[in-house]
Amino acid sequence: MSELNGLSDLASFEGRSALTQKDTAARRRALKGLTARIENGGPRRTVSELLAVVMTLSARTRRMAAEPVVIDLDVFAPNGRRAVHLRLPGA
């Protein structure tokens, strides 16, 4: 997407959030609900759970940044014919 398309999309953007309503009471209710969800914060996590999440994301990032692997596989039967036929989707 070019920057020009992004700017034209942004120019025609219409906010649908309850926070953009003209009615003050509706905006106040939406804001109160938002702050209540933030204050509750969800379940508490232990240090080991947070560390597991960080390690998982790190491993995923490392795998995505790695070069694709190329495997050259030659397997022959005793009679000299190929012993393995490998079919991969998209190949």
Foldseek 3Di string as FASTA:
>chain_A
DDVVVVVVCVVPDDDPQLCPDPDPVSNVVSVVVVVVCVVVPDDDDDPVVVVVVVVVVVVVVVVVPDDDDDDDDADADPVGHGPDDDDDPPD
